[in-house]
Each structure stands twice: as C-alpha cells, then as structure tokens.
PDB file of N, CA and C in Angstrom:
ATOM      1  N   MET A   1       0.329   3.241  -9.442  1.00  0.00           N
ATOM      2  CA  MET A   1       0.652   1.830  -9.591  1.00  0.00           C
ATOM      3  C   MET A   1      -0.658   1.059  -9.465  1.00  0.00           C
ATOM      4  N   GLN A   2      -0.966   0.271 -10.455  1.00  0.00           N
ATOM      5  CA  GLN A   2      -2.237  -0.440 -10.501  1.00  0.00           C
ATOM      6  C   GLN A   2      -2.048  -1.941 -10.259  1.00  0.00           C
ATOM      7  N   PRO A   3      -2.862  -2.505  -9.368  1.00  0.00           N
ATOM      8  CA  PRO A   3      -2.824  -3.954  -9.170  1.00  0.00           C
ATOM      9  C   PRO A   3      -3.267  -4.684 -10.433  1.00  0.00           C
ATOM     10  N   ALA A   4      -2.685  -5.853 -10.679  1.00  0.00           N
ATOM     11  CA  ALA A   4      -2.991  -6.616 -11.888  1.00  0.00           C
ATOM     12  C   ALA A   4      -4.110  -7.630 -11.684  1.00  0.00           C
ATOM     13  N   ASP A   5      -4.403  -7.972 -10.426  1.00  0.00           N
ATOM     14  CA  ASP A   5      -5.440  -8.972 -10.169  1.00  0.00           C
ATOM     15  C   ASP A   5      -6.054  -8.750  -8.791  1.00  0.00           C
ATOM     16  N   GLU A   6      -6.979  -9.625  -8.422  1.00  0.00           N
ATOM     17  CA  GLU A   6      -7.691  -9.492  -7.147  1.00  0.00           C
ATOM     18  C   GLU A   6      -6.743  -9.569  -5.945  1.00  0.00           C
ATOM     19  N   TYR A   7      -5.772 -10.459  -5.996  1.00  0.00           N
ATOM     20  CA  TYR A   7      -4.842 -10.601  -4.884  1.00  0.00           C
ATOM     21  C   TYR A   7      -4.011  -9.333  -4.706  1.00  0.00           C
ATOM     22  N   GLU A   8      -3.533  -8.772  -5.794  1.00  0.00           N
ATOM     23  CA  GLU A   8      -2.774  -7.528  -5.709  1.00  0.00           C
ATOM     24  C   GLU A   8      -3.667  -6.386  -5.230  1.00  0.00           C
ATOM     25  N   SER A   9      -4.941  -6.408  -5.584  1.00  0.00           N
ATOM     26  CA  SER A   9      -5.880  -5.393  -5.102  1.00  0.00           C
ATOM     27  C   SER A   9      -6.030  -5.474  -3.589  1.00  0.00           C
ATOM     28  N   VAL A  10      -6.099  -6.692  -3.067  1.00  0.00           N
ATOM     29  CA  VAL A  10      -6.188  -6.877  -1.613  1.00  0.00           C
ATOM     30  C   VAL A  10      -4.925  -6.336  -0.946  1.00  0.00           C
ATOM     31  N   ILE A  11      -3.780  -6.654  -1.502  1.00  0.00           N
ATOM     32  CA  ILE A  11      -2.507  -6.167  -0.967  1.00  0.00           C
ATOM     33  C   ILE A  11      -2.498  -4.644  -0.963  1.00  0.00           C
ATOM     34  N   ALA A  12      -2.896  -4.035  -2.066  1.00  0.00           N
ATOM     35  CA  ALA A  12      -2.902  -2.568  -2.160  1.00  0.00           C
ATOM     36  C   ALA A  12      -3.844  -1.948  -1.133  1.00  0.00           C
ATOM     37  N   ARG A  13      -5.035  -2.536  -0.942  1.00  0.00           N
ATOM     38  CA  ARG A  13      -5.985  -1.999   0.045  1.00  0.00           C
ATOM     39  C   ARG A  13      -5.419  -2.075   1.459  1.00  0.00           C
ATOM     40  N   ILE A  14      -4.741  -3.167   1.778  1.00  0.00           N
ATOM     41  CA  ILE A  14      -4.151  -3.307   3.111  1.00  0.00           C
ATOM     42  C   ILE A  14      -3.051  -2.264   3.311  1.00  0.00           C
ATOM     43  N   VAL A  15      -2.178  -2.128   2.336  1.00  0.00           N
ATOM     44  CA  VAL A  15      -1.102  -1.133   2.436  1.00  0.00           C
ATOM     45  C   VAL A  15      -1.700   0.262   2.555  1.00  0.00           C
ATOM     46  N   ASP A  16      -2.686   0.570   1.730  1.00  0.00           N
ATOM     47  CA  ASP A  16      -3.310   1.897   1.778  1.00  0.00           C
ATOM     48  C   ASP A  16      -3.981   2.146   3.123  1.00  0.00           C
ATOM     49  N   GLY A  17      -4.529   1.098   3.735  1.00  0.00           N
ATOM     50  CA  GLY A  17      -5.132   1.240   5.058  1.00  0.00           C
ATOM     51  C   GLY A  17      -4.111   1.649   6.106  1.00  0.00           C
ATOM     52  N   PHE A  18      -2.905   1.157   5.977  1.00  0.00           N
ATOM     53  CA  PHE A  18      -1.850   1.539   6.907  1.00  0.00           C
ATOM     54  C   PHE A  18      -1.298   2.918   6.579  1.00  0.00           C
ATOM     55  N   ALA A  19      -1.347   3.314   5.306  1.00  0.00           N
ATOM     56  CA  ALA A  19      -0.859   4.631   4.914  1.00  0.00           C
ATOM     57  C   ALA A  19      -1.764   5.716   5.489  1.00  0.00           C
ATOM     58  N   GLY A  20      -3.076   5.518   5.406  1.00  0.00           N
ATOM     59  CA  GLY A  20      -4.062   6.360   6.061  1.00  0.00           C
ATOM     60  C   GLY A  20      -3.880   7.861   5.984  1.00  0.00           C
ATOM     61  N   GLY A  21      -3.521   8.393   4.843  1.00  0.00           N
ATOM     62  CA  GLY A  21      -3.426   9.840   4.695  1.00  0.00           C
ATOM     63  C   GLY A  21      -2.108  10.426   5.168  1.00  0.00           C
ATOM     64  N   THR A  22      -1.190   9.571   5.602  1.00  0.00           N
ATOM     65  CA  THR A  22       0.121  10.058   6.020  1.00  0.00           C
ATOM     66  C   THR A  22       1.180   9.262   5.266  1.00  0.00           C
ATOM     67  N   ARG A  23       2.401   9.709   5.381  1.00  0.00           N
ATOM     68  CA  ARG A  23       3.492   8.971   4.751  1.00  0.00           C
ATOM     69  C   ARG A  23       3.619   7.607   5.423  1.00  0.00           C
ATOM     70  N   LEU A  24       3.706   6.565   4.625  1.00  0.00           N
ATOM     71  CA  LEU A  24       3.779   5.195   5.130  1.00  0.00           C
ATOM     72  C   LEU A  24       5.108   4.986   5.850  1.00  0.00           C
ATOM     73  N   ASP A  25       5.052   4.423   7.019  1.00  0.00           N
ATOM     74  CA  ASP A  25       6.238   4.165   7.824  1.00  0.00           C
ATOM     75  C   ASP A  25       6.682   2.722   7.606  1.00  0.00           C
ATOM     76  N   PRO A  26       7.951   2.497   7.265  1.00  0.00           N
ATOM     77  CA  PRO A  26       8.426   1.137   7.008  1.00  0.00           C
ATOM     78  C   PRO A  26       8.290   0.206   8.210  1.00  0.00           C
ATOM     79  N   SER A  27       8.128   0.746   9.406  1.00  0.00           N
ATOM     80  CA  SER A  27       8.032  -0.098  10.597  1.00  0.00           C
ATOM     81  C   SER A  27       6.747  -0.930  10.630  1.00  0.00           C
ATOM     82  N   VAL A  28       5.773  -0.640   9.777  1.00  0.00           N
ATOM     83  CA  VAL A  28       4.508  -1.381   9.784  1.00  0.00           C
ATOM     84  C   VAL A  28       4.503  -2.559   8.809  1.00  0.00           C
ATOM     85  N   ILE A  29       5.608  -2.827   8.156  1.00  0.00           N
ATOM     86  CA  ILE A  29       5.654  -3.889   7.143  1.00  0.00           C
ATOM     87  C   ILE A  29       5.236  -5.245   7.731  1.00  0.00           C
ATOM     88  N   ASP A  30       5.729  -5.580   8.912  1.00  0.00           N
ATOM     89  CA  ASP A  30       5.345  -6.864   9.528  1.00  0.00           C
ATOM     90  C   ASP A  30       3.848  -6.907   9.796  1.00  0.00           C
ATOM     91  N   GLN A  31       3.270  -5.789  10.211  1.00  0.00           N
ATOM     92  CA  GLN A  31       1.833  -5.736  10.460  1.00  0.00           C
ATOM     93  C   GLN A  31       1.050  -5.901   9.158  1.00  0.00           C
ATOM     94  N   ILE A  32       1.552  -5.325   8.082  1.00  0.00           N
ATOM     95  CA  ILE A  32       0.903  -5.461   6.771  1.00  0.00           C
ATOM     96  C   ILE A  32       0.900  -6.931   6.355  1.00  0.00           C
ATOM     97  N   ILE A  33       2.043  -7.577   6.468  1.00  0.00           N
ATOM     98  CA  ILE A  33       2.159  -8.985   6.076  1.00  0.00           C
ATOM     99  C   ILE A  33       1.215  -9.850   6.922  1.00  0.00           C
ATOM    100  N   ALA A  34       1.096  -9.534   8.196  1.00  0.00           N
ATOM    101  CA  ALA A  34       0.221 -10.306   9.079  1.00  0.00           C
ATOM    102  C   ALA A  34      -1.256 -10.183   8.684  1.00  0.00           C
ATOM    103  N   ARG A  35      -1.633  -9.084   8.047  1.00  0.00           N
ATOM    104  CA  ARG A  35      -3.031  -8.874   7.643  1.00  0.00           C
ATOM    105  C   ARG A  35      -3.389  -9.598   6.350  1.00  0.00           C
ATOM    106  N   ILE A  36      -2.395 -10.015   5.590  1.00  0.00           N
ATOM    107  CA  ILE A  36      -2.651 -10.711   4.326  1.00  0.00           C
ATOM    108  C   ILE A  36      -3.035 -12.153   4.658  1.00  0.00           C
ATOM    109  N   ASP A  37      -4.256 -12.537   4.269  1.00  0.00           N
ATOM    110  CA  ASP A  37      -4.784 -13.838   4.694  1.00  0.00           C
ATOM    111  C   ASP A  37      -4.695 -14.915   3.618  1.00  0.00           C
ATOM    112  N   PHE A  38      -3.709 -14.811   2.757  1.00  0.00           N
ATOM    113  CA  PHE A  38      -3.468 -15.859   1.760  1.00  0.00           C
ATOM    114  C   PHE A  38      -1.964 -16.019   1.590  1.00  0.00           C
ATOM    115  N   ALA A  39      -1.567 -17.201   1.144  1.00  0.00           N
ATOM    116  CA  ALA A  39      -0.152 -17.451   0.891  1.00  0.00           C
ATOM    117  C   ALA A  39       0.237 -16.733  -0.394  1.00  0.00           C
ATOM    118  N   MET A  40       1.183 -15.828  -0.273  1.00  0.00           N
ATOM    119  CA  MET A  40       1.591 -15.047  -1.444  1.00  0.00           C
ATOM    120  C   MET A  40       2.555 -15.827  -2.325  1.00  0.00           C
ATOM    121  N   THR A  41       2.387 -15.641  -3.625  1.00  0.00           N
ATOM    122  CA  THR A  41       3.354 -16.157  -4.581  1.00  0.00           C
ATOM    123  C   THR A  41       4.546 -15.202  -4.583  1.00  0.00           C
ATOM    124  N   GLN A  42       5.599 -15.589  -5.242  1.00  0.00           N
ATOM    125  CA  GLN A  42       6.757 -14.703  -5.344  1.00  0.00           C
ATOM    126  C   GLN A  42       6.368 -13.407  -6.052  1.00  0.00           C
ATOM    127  N   SER A  43       5.554 -13.514  -7.080  1.00  0.00           N
ATOM    128  CA  SER A  43       5.101 -12.336  -7.819  1.00  0.00           C
ATOM    129  C   SER A  43       4.299 -11.394  -6.919  1.00  0.00           C
ATOM    130  N   GLN A  44       3.436 -11.961  -6.083  1.00  0.00           N
ATOM    131  CA  GLN A  44       2.641 -11.131  -5.174  1.00  0.00           C
ATOM    132  C   GLN A  44       3.521 -10.503  -4.097  1.00  0.00           C
ATOM    133  N   GLY A  45       4.512 -11.237  -3.626  1.00  0.00           N
ATOM    134  CA  GLY A  45       5.468 -10.681  -2.673  1.00  0.00           C
ATOM    135  C   GLY A  45       6.247  -9.527  -3.278  1.00  0.00           C
ATOM    136  N   ASN A  46       6.628  -9.679  -4.541  1.00  0.00           N
ATOM    137  CA  ASN A  46       7.319  -8.588  -5.237  1.00  0.00           C
ATOM    138  C   ASN A  46       6.408  -7.381  -5.382  1.00  0.00           C
ATOM    139  N   PHE A  47       5.121  -7.629  -5.688  1.00  0.00           N
ATOM    140  CA  PHE A  47       4.165  -6.527  -5.797  1.00  0.00           C
ATOM    141  C   PHE A  47       4.041  -5.817  -4.457  1.00  0.00           C
ATOM    142  N   LEU A  48       3.985  -6.563  -3.357  1.00  0.00           N
ATOM    143  CA  LEU A  48       3.889  -5.973  -2.034  1.00  0.00           C
ATOM    144  C   LEU A  48       5.051  -5.022  -1.787  1.00  0.00           C
ATOM    145  N   ILE A  49       6.247  -5.477  -2.041  1.00  0.00           N
ATOM    146  CA  ILE A  49       7.436  -4.645  -1.828  1.00  0.00           C
ATOM    147  C   ILE A  49       7.399  -3.416  -2.732  1.00  0.00           C
ATOM    148  N   ASP A  50       7.104  -3.628  -4.009  1.00  0.00           N
ATOM    149  CA  ASP A  50       7.055  -2.519  -4.957  1.00  0.00           C
ATOM    150  C   ASP A  50       5.961  -1.522  -4.592  1.00  0.00           C
ATOM    151  N   TYR A  51       4.804  -2.030  -4.141  1.00  0.00           N
ATOM    152  CA  TYR A  51       3.692  -1.148  -3.801  1.00  0.00           C
ATOM    153  C   TYR A  51       4.004  -0.345  -2.537  1.00  0.00           C
ATOM    154  N   ILE A  52       4.621  -0.976  -1.550  1.00  0.00           N
ATOM    155  CA  ILE A  52       5.021  -0.241  -0.343  1.00  0.00           C
ATOM    156  C   ILE A  52       5.993   0.871  -0.716  1.00  0.00           C
ATOM    157  N   ARG A  53       6.987   0.558  -1.536  1.00  0.00           N
ATOM    158  CA  ARG A  53       7.944   1.591  -1.969  1.00  0.00           C
ATOM    159  C   ARG A  53       7.231   2.714  -2.712  1.00  0.00           C
ATOM    160  N   TRP A  54       6.310   2.339  -3.608  1.00  0.00           N
ATOM    161  CA  TRP A  54       5.573   3.338  -4.380  1.00  0.00           C
ATOM    162  C   TRP A  54       4.717   4.201  -3.456  1.00  0.00           C
ATOM    163  N   ARG A  55       4.033   3.575  -2.505  1.00  0.00           N
ATOM    164  CA  ARG A  55       3.166   4.320  -1.593  1.00  0.00           C
ATOM    165  C   ARG A  55       3.983   5.240  -0.694  1.00  0.00           C
ATOM    166  N   MET A  56       5.206   4.826  -0.326  1.00  0.00           N
ATOM    167  CA  MET A  56       6.065   5.690   0.481  1.00  0.00           C
ATOM    168  C   MET A  56       6.445   6.945  -0.301  1.00  0.00           C
ATOM    169  N   GLU A  57       6.628   6.801  -1.609  1.00  0.00           N
ATOM    170  CA  GLU A  57       6.968   7.943  -2.460  1.00  0.00           C
ATOM    171  C   GLU A  57       5.740   8.730  -2.896  1.00  0.00           C
ATOM    172  N   ASN A  58       4.560   8.111  -2.801  1.00  0.00           N
ATOM    173  CA  ASN A  58       3.309   8.722  -3.250  1.00  0.00           C
ATOM    174  C   ASN A  58       2.241   8.579  -2.163  1.00  0.00           C
ATOM    175  N   PRO A  59       2.384   9.373  -1.085  1.00  0.00           N
ATOM    176  CA  PRO A  59       1.417   9.250   0.007  1.00  0.00           C
ATOM    177  C   PRO A  59       0.000   9.574  -0.459  1.00  0.00           C
ATOM    178  N   ILE A  60      -0.977   9.018   0.225  1.00  0.00           N
ATOM    179  CA  ILE A  60      -2.374   9.298  -0.070  1.00  0.00           C
ATOM    180  C   ILE A  60      -2.654  10.728   0.351  1.00  0.00           C
ATOM    181  N   ALA A  61      -3.180  11.522  -0.565  1.00  0.00           N
ATOM    182  CA  ALA A  61      -3.476  12.918  -0.270  1.00  0.00           C
ATOM    183  C   ALA A  61      -4.715  13.009   0.614  1.00  0.00           C
ATOM    184  N   THR A  62      -4.646  13.845   1.634  1.00  0.00           N
ATOM    185  CA  THR A  62      -5.824  14.105   2.445  1.00  0.00           C
ATOM    186  C   THR A  62      -6.675  15.139   1.717  1.00  0.00           C
ATOM    187  N   SER A  63      -7.901  15.336   2.143  1.00  0.00           N
ATOM    188  CA  SER A  63      -8.782  16.290   1.455  1.00  0.00           C
ATOM    189  C   SER A  63      -8.191  17.696   1.513  1.00  0.00           C
ATOM    190  N   GLY A  64      -7.534  18.079   2.594  1.00  0.00           N
ATOM    191  CA  GLY A  64      -6.906  19.393   2.673  1.00  0.00           C
ATOM    192  C   GLY A  64      -5.771  19.561   1.680  1.00  0.00           C
ATOM    193  N   GLU A  65      -4.983  18.499   1.496  1.00  0.00           N
ATOM    194  CA  GLU A  65      -3.904  18.562   0.518  1.00  0.00           C
ATOM    195  C   GLU A  65      -4.436  18.631  -0.892  1.00  0.00           C
ATOM    196  N   THR A  66      -5.527  17.923  -1.159  1.00  0.00           N
ATOM    197  CA  THR A  66      -6.137  17.942  -2.487  1.00  0.00           C
ATOM    198  C   THR A  66      -6.660  19.335  -2.805  1.00  0.00           C
ATOM    199  N   GLU A  67      -7.299  19.970  -1.841  1.00  0.00           N
ATOM    200  CA  GLU A  67      -7.835  21.317  -2.053  1.00  0.00           C
ATOM    201  C   GLU A  67      -6.716  22.312  -2.301  1.00  0.00           C
ATOM    202  N   ARG A  68      -5.595  22.195  -1.569  1.00  0.00           N
ATOM    203  CA  ARG A  68      -4.478  23.119  -1.775  1.00  0.00           C
ATOM    204  C   ARG A  68      -3.827  22.908  -3.134  1.00  0.00           C
ATOM    205  N   ALA A  69      -3.770  21.648  -3.589  1.00  0.00           N
ATOM    206  CA  ALA A  69      -3.135  21.347  -4.868  1.00  0.00           C
ATOM    207  C   ALA A  69      -3.983  21.812  -6.037  1.00  0.00           C
ATOM    208  N   GLY A  70      -5.299  21.861  -5.865  1.00  0.00           N
ATOM    209  CA  GLY A  70      -6.205  22.184  -6.959  1.00  0.00           C
ATOM    210  C   GLY A  70      -6.369  23.577  -7.194  1.00  0.00           C
TER     211      GLY A  70
END
C-alpha cells in the first residue's frame, strides 16, 4: 500500500514505527493518532485506518524472516 502524498507518508512512517518488525497490535491506535502532529482530513483518516488494517495483514519482515523467505 503506497501513500499518495507527504501527509500519508508521515502516517505510514508512524504506523510502521509502531509495527516495528512484529504484528501490529490494535491497542496502539490511540498512541498512533497522538503522534500525528497535523489535523487530518477525512481522506487522511481513511488512509490511516486502511493502512493500519493493511499493516496488520502485512507485518514488516525482520531480517531473519527475509532470509528464510529467500
């Protein structure tokens, strides 16, 4: 899932920071929102929700997982 603009890129980086090589836990959503330092539009809020769902289904691979997959 690719961000469409700079704001979505910031959202994705924050979410990925919380994912940190493990499956993203939905309990951190409030913490993610608190880290976003701009007022989100409805479109950006939708991207946040969609990106969290996508990241939960597509965890960031650690280097060990990448080596095993390759």
